[in-house]
Each structure stands twice: as structure tokens, then as C-alpha cells.
């Protein structure tokens, strides 16, 4: 499907599910490619975030891979291998693993998380280029309403 040469009436008849799927795949591919340019993967960043008491973790307590997978279940992709990604972070000294299989963020990992997070605004700015805030907000509100219309939760 294409939006070239389509009138507003024709666009209004386009399937939202198709276009949200295309947008999702394009956005994820773009974000992951930009993160790779900076030397990390999205799952690696999520691991650091989920283990940091200064970010997603409420207590900074270590977690096993199954616990991390459950914590990330709404955004983890099928191809993401948290065990392999955690091993990479272990080699970098950003994570440690205890005798019970729990992963913990190190001081170096916390510093890396803070540094990696600095790239998010530039990546977001590229995605939002040419879209004013009002249009962006309207788009999200429309998507949230579509979600509510299906009976699914929006959060």
C-alpha cells in the first residue's frame, strides 16, 4: 500500500492496523540502527534500565533472565535474546551475575546507562522531524482511542 496520490477520503479508508504495523517496524528498525551506530543494542539498554535503581527498577535488586523477560514482556521482541545480551554486558563489566543467576548492574553499567540515554533525544528528534507537537499528540490520542475501541488497555 502507498499514500502517494491518495486523497484524504482514500486515506481515511486505509486499514489502520496495516499502517501501525508498518510504522512500528520502521521505527524499531531505525532506533536499533542508530543505537548500533553508538555501539549498543536496544535489549542491552533495556537490561541496564531494568536493573538500575535510577531508572526502571524500583529497588535495584538483581533479576534472573526469566524475571527480566517478564518485566520487558510488553516491548521485548521475539528475536531478542536477553541471555546473550547480558553476557555481552558481563564482558564489558556493565553487569555481574551472582550464584543464583541474578543479574546486577555495576557502577560502570550505571555510567554506561546514563551515557547511552543521552542519545535518545537525538534519535527522537530524527523521528519527529517535520511533525509538530500538536499533530504528534493528536496521532497518539487517535491511536489510544482506537485501542480503547477494541477493548484493550492503553497502558
C-alpha atoms as a PDB file:
ATOM      1  CA  UNK A   1       0.000   0.000   0.000  1.00  0.00           C
ATOM      2  CA  UNK A   2       1.092   3.550  -0.600  1.00  0.00           C
ATOM      3  CA  UNK A   3      -0.076   7.010   0.356  1.00  0.00           C
ATOM      4  CA  UNK A   4       1.153   8.599  -2.882  1.00  0.00           C
ATOM      5  CA  UNK A   5      -1.584  10.343  -4.824  1.00  0.00           C
ATOM      6  CA  UNK A   6      -4.307   9.280  -2.377  1.00  0.00           C
ATOM      7  CA  UNK A   7      -6.993  11.748  -1.391  1.00  0.00           C
ATOM      8  CA  UNK A   8      -7.943  12.298   2.243  1.00  0.00           C
ATOM      9  CA  UNK A   9     -11.070  10.200   1.617  1.00  0.00           C
ATOM     10  CA  UNK A  10      -8.942   7.367   0.256  1.00  0.00           C
ATOM     11  CA  UNK A  11      -6.531   7.637   3.185  1.00  0.00           C
ATOM     12  CA  UNK A  12      -9.472   7.520   5.608  1.00  0.00           C
ATOM     13  CA  UNK A  13     -10.382   4.139   4.122  1.00  0.00           C
ATOM     14  CA  UNK A  14      -6.884   2.688   4.618  1.00  0.00           C
ATOM     15  CA  UNK A  15      -6.514  -0.057   7.272  1.00  0.00           C
ATOM     16  CA  UNK A  16      -5.020   1.403  10.455  1.00  0.00           C
ATOM     17  CA  UNK A  17      -3.668  -1.990  11.528  1.00  0.00           C
ATOM     18  CA  UNK A  18      -1.560  -2.210   8.385  1.00  0.00           C
ATOM     19  CA  UNK A  19      -0.115   1.287   8.769  1.00  0.00           C
ATOM     20  CA  UNK A  20       0.541   0.969  12.503  1.00  0.00           C
ATOM     21  CA  UNK A  21       2.399  -2.277  11.795  1.00  0.00           C
ATOM     22  CA  UNK A  22       4.487  -0.654   9.061  1.00  0.00           C
ATOM     23  CA  UNK A  23       5.210   2.303  11.350  1.00  0.00           C
ATOM     24  CA  UNK A  24       6.172   0.031  14.257  1.00  0.00           C
ATOM     25  CA  UNK A  25       8.626  -1.989  12.174  1.00  0.00           C
ATOM     26  CA  UNK A  26      10.148   1.122  10.584  1.00  0.00           C
ATOM     27  CA  UNK A  27      10.550   2.921  13.912  1.00  0.00           C
ATOM     28  CA  UNK A  28      12.081  -0.085  15.682  1.00  0.00           C
ATOM     29  CA  UNK A  29      14.495  -0.682  12.786  1.00  0.00           C
ATOM     30  CA  UNK A  30      15.504   2.987  12.781  1.00  0.00           C
ATOM     31  CA  UNK A  31      16.008   3.159  16.564  1.00  0.00           C
ATOM     32  CA  UNK A  32      18.012  -0.062  16.631  1.00  0.00           C
ATOM     33  CA  UNK A  33      20.207   1.034  13.712  1.00  0.00           C
ATOM     34  CA  UNK A  34      21.000   4.348  15.428  1.00  0.00           C
ATOM     35  CA  UNK A  35      21.783   2.573  18.713  1.00  0.00           C
ATOM     36  CA  UNK A  36      24.073   0.148  16.869  1.00  0.00           C
ATOM     37  CA  UNK A  37      25.964   3.152  15.482  1.00  0.00           C
ATOM     38  CA  UNK A  38      26.660   4.120  19.100  1.00  0.00           C
ATOM     39  CA  UNK A  39      27.822   0.586  19.951  1.00  0.00           C
ATOM     40  CA  UNK A  40      24.901  -0.902  21.842  1.00  0.00           C
ATOM     41  CA  UNK A  41      21.664  -2.751  21.234  1.00  0.00           C
ATOM     42  CA  UNK A  42      18.186  -1.855  22.378  1.00  0.00           C
ATOM     43  CA  UNK A  43      17.929  -5.017  24.548  1.00  0.00           C
ATOM     44  CA  UNK A  44      21.260  -4.142  26.201  1.00  0.00           C
ATOM     45  CA  UNK A  45      19.927  -0.696  27.058  1.00  0.00           C
ATOM     46  CA  UNK A  46      16.715  -2.245  28.404  1.00  0.00           C
ATOM     47  CA  UNK A  47      18.731  -4.587  30.607  1.00  0.00           C
ATOM     48  CA  UNK A  48      20.638  -1.670  32.098  1.00  0.00           C
ATOM     49  CA  UNK A  49      17.430   0.329  32.582  1.00  0.00           C
ATOM     50  CA  UNK A  50      15.538  -2.539  34.195  1.00  0.00           C
ATOM     51  CA  UNK A  51      18.383  -3.241  36.630  1.00  0.00           C
ATOM     52  CA  UNK A  52      19.112   0.382  37.573  1.00  0.00           C
ATOM     53  CA  UNK A  53      17.542   1.777  40.722  1.00  0.00           C
ATOM     54  CA  UNK A  54      17.887   5.164  38.995  1.00  0.00           C
ATOM     55  CA  UNK A  55      15.652   4.153  36.107  1.00  0.00           C
ATOM     56  CA  UNK A  56      13.008   1.402  35.787  1.00  0.00           C
ATOM     57  CA  UNK A  57      13.977  -0.774  38.772  1.00  0.00           C
ATOM     58  CA  UNK A  58      12.297   0.398  41.945  1.00  0.00           C
ATOM     59  CA  UNK A  59      14.816  -1.253  44.261  1.00  0.00           C
ATOM     60  CA  UNK A  60      17.918  -2.014  42.161  1.00  0.00           C
ATOM     61  CA  UNK A  61      17.579  -5.684  43.103  1.00  0.00           C
ATOM     62  CA  UNK A  62      19.109  -8.233  40.762  1.00  0.00           C
ATOM     63  CA  UNK A  63      16.871 -10.224  38.444  1.00  0.00           C
ATOM     64  CA  UNK A  64      17.079 -13.528  36.601  1.00  0.00           C
ATOM     65  CA  UNK A  65      16.649 -13.679  32.834  1.00  0.00           C
ATOM     66  CA  UNK A  66      13.062 -15.031  33.160  1.00  0.00           C
ATOM     67  CA  UNK A  67      12.236 -12.163  35.561  1.00  0.00           C
ATOM     68  CA  UNK A  68      13.729  -9.659  33.128  1.00  0.00           C
ATOM     69  CA  UNK A  69      11.779 -11.216  30.244  1.00  0.00           C
ATOM     70  CA  UNK A  70       8.546 -10.855  32.229  1.00  0.00           C
ATOM     71  CA  UNK A  71       9.397  -7.258  33.112  1.00  0.00           C
ATOM     72  CA  UNK A  72      10.007  -6.480  29.428  1.00  0.00           C
ATOM     73  CA  UNK A  73       7.185  -8.597  28.020  1.00  0.00           C
ATOM     74  CA  UNK A  74       5.283  -5.659  26.522  1.00  0.00           C
ATOM     75  CA  UNK A  75       8.213  -4.456  24.423  1.00  0.00           C
ATOM     76  CA  UNK A  76      10.642  -7.361  24.054  1.00  0.00           C
ATOM     77  CA  UNK A  77      10.724  -8.717  20.507  1.00  0.00           C
ATOM     78  CA  UNK A  78      10.786 -12.426  19.662  1.00  0.00           C
ATOM     79  CA  UNK A  79      14.305 -12.181  18.240  1.00  0.00           C
ATOM     80  CA  UNK A  80      15.715 -10.536  21.392  1.00  0.00           C
ATOM     81  CA  UNK A  81      17.960 -12.892  23.361  1.00  0.00           C
ATOM     82  CA  UNK A  82      18.380 -11.362  26.813  1.00  0.00           C
ATOM     83  CA  UNK A  83      20.740 -14.093  27.997  1.00  0.00           C
ATOM     84  CA  UNK A  84      23.148 -13.424  25.122  1.00  0.00           C
ATOM     85  CA  UNK A  85      22.833  -9.648  25.544  1.00  0.00           C
ATOM     86  CA  UNK A  86      23.504  -9.941  29.276  1.00  0.00           C
ATOM     87  CA  UNK A  87      26.658 -11.948  28.549  1.00  0.00           C
ATOM     88  CA  UNK A  88      27.928  -9.114  26.337  1.00  0.00           C
ATOM     89  CA  UNK A  89      27.297  -6.643  29.158  1.00  0.00           C
ATOM     90  CA  UNK A  90      29.043  -9.000  31.578  1.00  0.00           C
ATOM     91  CA  UNK A  91      32.125  -8.971  29.316  1.00  0.00           C
ATOM     92  CA  UNK A  92      32.022  -5.157  29.249  1.00  0.00           C
ATOM     93  CA  UNK A  93      31.849  -5.058  33.038  1.00  0.00           C
ATOM     94  CA  UNK A  94      28.418  -3.400  32.991  1.00  0.00           C
ATOM     95  CA  UNK A  95      26.613  -6.338  34.624  1.00  0.00           C
ATOM     96  CA  UNK A  96      27.550  -9.036  37.108  1.00  0.00           C
ATOM     97  CA  UNK A  97      25.802 -12.317  37.836  1.00  0.00           C
ATOM     98  CA  UNK A  98      25.513 -13.920  41.260  1.00  0.00           C
ATOM     99  CA  UNK A  99      25.421 -17.616  42.142  1.00  0.00           C
ATOM    100  CA  UNK A 100      21.624 -17.676  41.910  1.00  0.00           C
ATOM    101  CA  UNK A 101      21.600 -16.452  38.292  1.00  0.00           C
ATOM    102  CA  UNK A 102      20.544 -12.914  39.179  1.00  0.00           C
ATOM    103  CA  UNK A 103      21.963 -10.117  37.071  1.00  0.00           C
ATOM    104  CA  UNK A 104      23.083  -6.872  38.714  1.00  0.00           C
ATOM    105  CA  UNK A 105      24.116  -3.562  37.200  1.00  0.00           C
ATOM    106  CA  UNK A 106      27.629  -2.425  38.091  1.00  0.00           C
ATOM    107  CA  UNK A 107      28.842   1.120  38.686  1.00  0.00           C
ATOM    108  CA  UNK A 108      30.348   1.047  35.183  1.00  0.00           C
ATOM    109  CA  UNK A 109      26.998  -0.199  33.868  1.00  0.00           C
ATOM    110  CA  UNK A 110      25.196   2.686  35.553  1.00  0.00           C
ATOM    111  CA  UNK A 111      27.627   5.146  33.983  1.00  0.00           C
ATOM    112  CA  UNK A 112      27.082   3.478  30.606  1.00  0.00           C
ATOM    113  CA  UNK A 113      23.279   3.634  31.051  1.00  0.00           C
ATOM    114  CA  UNK A 114      23.470   7.376  31.707  1.00  0.00           C
ATOM    115  CA  UNK A 115      25.753   7.855  28.696  1.00  0.00           C
ATOM    116  CA  UNK A 116      23.609   5.709  26.375  1.00  0.00           C
ATOM    117  CA  UNK A 117      20.453   7.541  27.457  1.00  0.00           C
ATOM    118  CA  UNK A 118      21.967  10.793  26.143  1.00  0.00           C
ATOM    119  CA  UNK A 119      21.465   9.513  22.585  1.00  0.00           C
ATOM    120  CA  UNK A 120      17.671   9.178  22.939  1.00  0.00           C
ATOM    121  CA  UNK A 121      16.799  12.864  22.317  1.00  0.00           C
ATOM    122  CA  UNK A 122      18.690  12.951  19.002  1.00  0.00           C
ATOM    123  CA  UNK A 123      17.088   9.696  17.861  1.00  0.00           C
ATOM    124  CA  UNK A 124      13.665  11.001  18.864  1.00  0.00           C
ATOM    125  CA  UNK A 125      14.299  14.309  17.085  1.00  0.00           C
ATOM    126  CA  UNK A 126      15.041  12.472  13.832  1.00  0.00           C
ATOM    127  CA  UNK A 127      11.798  10.532  14.164  1.00  0.00           C
ATOM    128  CA  UNK A 128       9.780  13.660  14.959  1.00  0.00           C
ATOM    129  CA  UNK A 129      11.372  15.829  12.212  1.00  0.00           C
ATOM    130  CA  UNK A 130       8.692  17.724  10.287  1.00  0.00           C
ATOM    131  CA  UNK A 131       5.910  16.779  12.724  1.00  0.00           C
ATOM    132  CA  UNK A 132       4.675  19.495  15.027  1.00  0.00           C
ATOM    133  CA  UNK A 133       3.821  18.635  18.609  1.00  0.00           C
ATOM    134  CA  UNK A 134       0.085  19.180  18.103  1.00  0.00           C
ATOM    135  CA  UNK A 135      -0.036  16.668  15.224  1.00  0.00           C
ATOM    136  CA  UNK A 136       2.038  14.180  17.216  1.00  0.00           C
ATOM    137  CA  UNK A 137      -0.257  14.477  20.239  1.00  0.00           C
ATOM    138  CA  UNK A 138      -3.328  14.122  18.028  1.00  0.00           C
ATOM    139  CA  UNK A 139      -1.869  10.994  16.438  1.00  0.00           C
ATOM    140  CA  UNK A 140      -1.215   9.395  19.827  1.00  0.00           C
ATOM    141  CA  UNK A 141      -4.695  10.312  21.063  1.00  0.00           C
ATOM    142  CA  UNK A 142      -6.237   8.767  17.952  1.00  0.00           C
ATOM    143  CA  UNK A 143      -4.195   5.580  18.411  1.00  0.00           C
ATOM    144  CA  UNK A 144      -5.173   5.410  22.094  1.00  0.00           C
ATOM    145  CA  UNK A 145      -8.832   5.781  21.174  1.00  0.00           C
ATOM    146  CA  UNK A 146      -8.531   3.024  18.576  1.00  0.00           C
ATOM    147  CA  UNK A 147      -7.011   0.814  21.259  1.00  0.00           C
ATOM    148  CA  UNK A 148      -9.846   1.636  23.670  1.00  0.00           C
ATOM    149  CA  UNK A 149     -12.368   0.956  20.888  1.00  0.00           C
ATOM    150  CA  UNK A 150     -11.036  -2.603  20.681  1.00  0.00           C
ATOM    151  CA  UNK A 151     -11.443  -3.088  24.425  1.00  0.00           C
ATOM    152  CA  UNK A 152      -7.706  -3.295  25.077  1.00  0.00           C
ATOM    153  CA  UNK A 153      -5.996  -1.219  27.764  1.00  0.00           C
ATOM    154  CA  UNK A 154      -3.970   1.821  26.642  1.00  0.00           C
ATOM    155  CA  UNK A 155      -1.243   1.478  29.226  1.00  0.00           C
END
